[in-house]
Protein backbone atom coordinates (compact mmCIF):
# COMPACT_ATOMS: atom_id res chain seq x y z
CA MET A 1 -32.39 -42.94 -56.07
CA GLN A 2 -33.81 -43.50 -52.56
CA PRO A 3 -34.50 -46.96 -51.07
CA CYS A 4 -37.74 -48.50 -50.03
CA GLU A 5 -38.22 -48.34 -46.29
CA LEU A 6 -40.02 -51.60 -45.41
CA LEU A 7 -41.72 -51.85 -42.03
CA LEU A 8 -41.66 -55.48 -41.05
CA VAL A 9 -44.41 -55.97 -38.51
CA ARG A 10 -45.08 -59.05 -36.31
CA HIS A 11 -48.84 -59.79 -36.15
CA ALA A 12 -50.75 -58.77 -33.10
CA ALA A 13 -51.85 -61.30 -30.41
CA PRO A 14 -54.06 -64.12 -31.76
CA GLN A 15 -56.69 -66.10 -29.94
CA PRO A 16 -55.70 -69.80 -30.16
CA ASP A 17 -58.71 -71.80 -31.44
CA GLY A 18 -57.21 -75.24 -31.97
CA THR A 19 -56.25 -74.54 -35.57
CA LEU A 20 -53.08 -73.34 -37.29
CA ASP A 21 -54.81 -70.18 -38.46
CA PRO A 22 -56.46 -68.29 -35.60
CA GLY A 23 -57.69 -64.72 -35.88
CA LEU A 24 -56.77 -61.93 -33.43
CA SER A 25 -57.86 -61.92 -29.78
CA ASP A 26 -59.55 -58.85 -28.19
CA ASP A 27 -56.05 -57.80 -27.01
CA GLY A 28 -54.73 -58.31 -30.50
CA ARG A 29 -57.34 -56.08 -32.01
CA MET A 30 -56.49 -53.34 -29.55
CA GLN A 31 -52.78 -53.81 -30.39
CA ALA A 32 -53.58 -53.52 -34.10
CA ALA A 33 -55.57 -50.37 -33.50
CA ALA A 34 -52.75 -48.91 -31.38
CA LEU A 35 -50.19 -49.81 -34.05
CA THR A 36 -52.35 -47.99 -36.65
CA ARG A 37 -52.27 -44.87 -34.46
CA TYR A 38 -48.50 -45.25 -33.93
CA LEU A 39 -48.00 -45.17 -37.70
CA ASP A 40 -50.42 -42.30 -38.22
CA GLY A 41 -48.74 -39.60 -40.23
CA GLU A 42 -46.25 -41.95 -41.94
CA ALA A 43 -46.64 -41.96 -45.73
CA ILE A 44 -47.26 -45.67 -46.32
CA THR A 45 -48.10 -46.51 -49.90
CA ALA A 46 -48.74 -50.30 -49.71
CA VAL A 47 -49.58 -52.86 -47.00
CA TYR A 48 -48.70 -56.51 -47.34
CA ALA A 49 -49.43 -59.50 -45.08
CA SER A 50 -48.95 -63.24 -45.07
CA HIS A 51 -52.10 -65.16 -45.97
CA LEU A 52 -52.62 -66.20 -42.34
CA ARG A 53 -55.60 -64.52 -40.58
CA ARG A 54 -53.56 -63.08 -37.67
CA ALA A 55 -51.36 -61.23 -40.13
CA VAL A 56 -54.17 -60.05 -42.41
CA GLU A 57 -56.27 -58.82 -39.42
CA THR A 58 -53.28 -56.93 -38.13
CA ALA A 59 -52.71 -55.31 -41.52
CA GLU A 60 -56.28 -54.32 -42.26
CA PRO A 61 -56.64 -51.29 -39.89
CA ILE A 62 -53.32 -49.85 -41.24
CA ALA A 63 -54.46 -50.29 -44.83
CA GLY A 64 -57.97 -49.07 -44.05
CA ALA A 65 -56.78 -45.83 -42.50
CA ARG A 66 -55.19 -45.05 -45.84
CA GLY A 67 -57.82 -46.35 -48.20
CA LEU A 68 -55.55 -49.21 -49.23
CA GLN A 69 -56.20 -52.90 -49.75
CA VAL A 70 -54.12 -55.53 -47.95
CA ARG A 71 -51.96 -57.43 -50.43
CA THR A 72 -51.47 -61.05 -49.31
CA ASP A 73 -48.14 -62.69 -49.97
CA GLU A 74 -47.49 -66.26 -48.85
CA GLY A 75 -43.73 -65.47 -48.85
CA LEU A 76 -44.31 -63.72 -45.54
CA ARG A 77 -45.66 -66.86 -43.82
CA GLU A 78 -44.38 -68.37 -40.64
CA TRP A 79 -42.19 -71.46 -40.43
CA LYS A 80 -43.49 -74.94 -41.31
CA SER A 81 -43.28 -77.51 -38.60
CA ASN A 82 -45.19 -80.55 -37.42
CA ALA A 83 -47.48 -78.38 -35.15
CA THR A 84 -51.16 -79.21 -35.46
CA HIS A 85 -52.38 -75.90 -33.95
CA TYR A 86 -51.10 -72.46 -33.09
CA THR A 87 -49.77 -71.87 -29.58
CA GLY A 88 -48.45 -68.52 -28.53
CA THR A 89 -45.39 -68.36 -26.38
CA GLU A 90 -47.60 -67.26 -23.52
CA ASN A 91 -49.62 -70.49 -23.79
CA MET A 92 -46.93 -73.14 -24.23
CA ALA A 93 -47.65 -76.33 -22.30
CA ASP A 94 -44.02 -77.44 -22.24
CA SER A 95 -42.57 -75.70 -19.25
CA SER A 96 -38.97 -76.32 -20.39
CA ARG A 97 -39.64 -74.52 -23.67
CA THR A 98 -41.30 -71.66 -21.81
CA VAL A 99 -38.29 -71.27 -19.53
CA ALA A 100 -35.89 -71.42 -22.44
CA PHE A 101 -37.87 -68.72 -24.26
CA ARG A 102 -38.06 -66.42 -21.18
CA GLU A 103 -34.35 -66.80 -20.63
CA GLY A 104 -33.50 -65.99 -24.23
CA ARG A 105 -32.15 -69.50 -24.91
CA TYR A 106 -34.10 -69.63 -28.22
CA GLU A 107 -31.59 -71.84 -29.98
CA GLU A 108 -31.24 -74.32 -27.12
CA GLY A 109 -34.71 -75.29 -26.06
CA PHE A 110 -37.32 -73.19 -27.62
CA LEU A 111 -37.33 -73.72 -31.41
CA PRO A 112 -39.22 -76.69 -32.81
CA PRO A 113 -37.87 -78.49 -35.84
CA HIS A 114 -38.78 -76.44 -38.87
CA ASN A 115 -37.80 -75.47 -42.40
CA ALA A 116 -35.16 -73.00 -41.27
CA ASP A 117 -33.08 -72.76 -44.44
CA GLU A 118 -36.11 -72.57 -46.75
CA LEU A 119 -37.71 -69.93 -44.48
CA ARG A 120 -34.64 -67.71 -44.55
CA ALA A 121 -34.27 -67.94 -48.34
CA THR A 122 -38.00 -67.25 -48.86
CA MET A 123 -38.08 -64.29 -46.50
CA VAL A 124 -34.99 -62.69 -48.05
CA ALA A 125 -36.38 -63.12 -51.54
CA THR A 126 -39.89 -61.88 -50.56
CA VAL A 127 -38.71 -58.72 -48.69
CA ARG A 128 -36.27 -57.95 -51.52
CA ARG A 129 -39.06 -58.40 -54.13
CA ILE A 130 -41.51 -56.23 -52.24
CA GLY A 131 -38.88 -53.55 -51.52
CA GLN A 132 -37.71 -53.40 -55.14
CA SER A 133 -41.27 -52.98 -56.24
CA HIS A 134 -41.65 -49.85 -54.08
CA ILE A 135 -38.35 -48.04 -54.47
CA GLY A 136 -38.51 -44.55 -52.87
CA GLU A 137 -41.65 -45.51 -50.90
CA ARG A 138 -42.50 -46.72 -47.39
CA VAL A 139 -44.48 -49.98 -47.15
CA VAL A 140 -45.71 -52.30 -44.38
CA ALA A 141 -45.27 -56.07 -44.42
CA VAL A 142 -46.97 -57.98 -41.66
CA SER A 143 -45.31 -61.32 -40.94
CA HIS A 144 -44.49 -63.63 -37.99
CA GLY A 145 -42.02 -63.89 -35.15
CA GLY A 146 -39.92 -66.72 -36.55
CA ALA A 147 -40.00 -65.43 -40.07
CA SER A 148 -38.99 -61.95 -38.99
CA ASN A 149 -36.21 -63.42 -36.84
CA THR A 150 -34.63 -65.47 -39.59
CA PHE A 151 -34.80 -62.58 -42.06
CA LEU A 152 -33.34 -60.00 -39.69
CA ALA A 153 -30.61 -62.49 -38.75
CA GLU A 154 -29.61 -62.52 -42.42
CA VAL A 155 -29.56 -58.76 -42.46
CA VAL A 156 -27.28 -58.48 -39.45
CA GLY A 157 -25.11 -61.44 -40.55
CA SER A 158 -26.09 -63.81 -37.68
CA PRO A 159 -26.15 -67.56 -38.20
CA ARG A 160 -28.87 -67.87 -35.56
CA ARG A 161 -32.47 -68.61 -36.56
CA PHE A 162 -34.11 -66.80 -33.64
CA PHE A 163 -32.07 -64.10 -31.86
CA PHE A 164 -34.62 -61.70 -30.35
CA ASN A 165 -38.10 -61.75 -28.89
CA PRO A 166 -40.36 -59.83 -31.25
CA GLY A 167 -43.25 -58.18 -29.43
CA TYR A 168 -46.78 -58.54 -30.77
CA ALA A 169 -47.43 -55.73 -33.29
CA SER A 170 -43.82 -54.57 -33.07
CA VAL A 171 -42.05 -52.92 -35.98
CA SER A 172 -38.59 -53.46 -37.50
CA ARG A 173 -37.47 -51.17 -40.30
CA VAL A 174 -35.23 -52.16 -43.17
CA GLN A 175 -34.13 -50.20 -46.20
CA VAL A 176 -34.23 -52.12 -49.44
CA TRP A 177 -31.95 -50.52 -52.05
CA PRO A 178 -32.44 -50.83 -55.84
CA ASP A 179 -29.48 -53.19 -56.03
CA GLY A 180 -31.13 -55.48 -53.48
CA ARG A 181 -29.06 -54.50 -50.49
CA PHE A 182 -30.69 -54.38 -47.02
CA VAL A 183 -29.79 -51.70 -44.50
CA LEU A 184 -31.13 -52.11 -41.00
CA VAL A 185 -32.84 -49.12 -39.44
CA SER A 186 -34.47 -50.55 -36.28
CA ILE A 187 -35.49 -53.82 -34.62
CA ASN A 188 -38.52 -54.46 -32.51
CA GLU A 189 -39.83 -50.91 -32.05
CA PRO A 190 -42.36 -51.07 -29.15
CA GLY A 191 -43.66 -47.54 -29.73
CA TRP A 192 -47.17 -48.69 -30.55
CA ARG A 193 -47.73 -49.17 -26.79
CA GLY A 194 -47.50 -45.43 -26.30
CA ALA A 195 -50.29 -45.01 -28.89
CA GLN A 196 -52.81 -47.07 -27.01
CA ASP A 197 -56.12 -45.50 -26.18
CA PRO A 198 -56.18 -45.04 -22.35
CA ALA A 199 -59.86 -45.93 -22.34
CA LEU A 200 -58.93 -49.36 -23.65
CA MET A 201 -56.21 -50.05 -21.09
CA PRO A 202 -56.76 -51.81 -17.78
CA GLY A 203 -57.92 -49.32 -15.22
CA GLY A 204 -58.37 -46.69 -17.95
């Protein structure tokens, strides 16, 4: 019996609007469209997303291109913290956090206090449940940078909560086997950038 290949996608770039649940920015919509082109030709049978707008709006073009509906699953949500609004890493006001992030010192100065243990357990259970529901198929699950990090850290056996910088609309592939095992295929594929429409690129 073949495994499920689950494509764990980080949402595209959102437009911060002072809330915890912003939709995509213009750049984010272009990224989502480019990601859809990047995945063109792959036999995807289901598309999942967290309930947050930035994840759903990233998933919709992928699902729509295949005549599918986005299945929302709160198990794919981002960490819970004391934040009152969404701030992308490119818009952080705290310069020390920005420097820590750019230097890859995620554990030292970047991460806010959050539900790390709960998040890891939830993501592991959610990805396993989705994968075991689609054995022998390929599915997409659109999640978030922190959630993807903590899940993939579990897959590779790392104690870290955040060990790589997931690009917007990037793809990481994991096999989910019938017995619940995870096998890593790739992390942080940036290939959607090569699928951008030149007419939508600066100077194009």
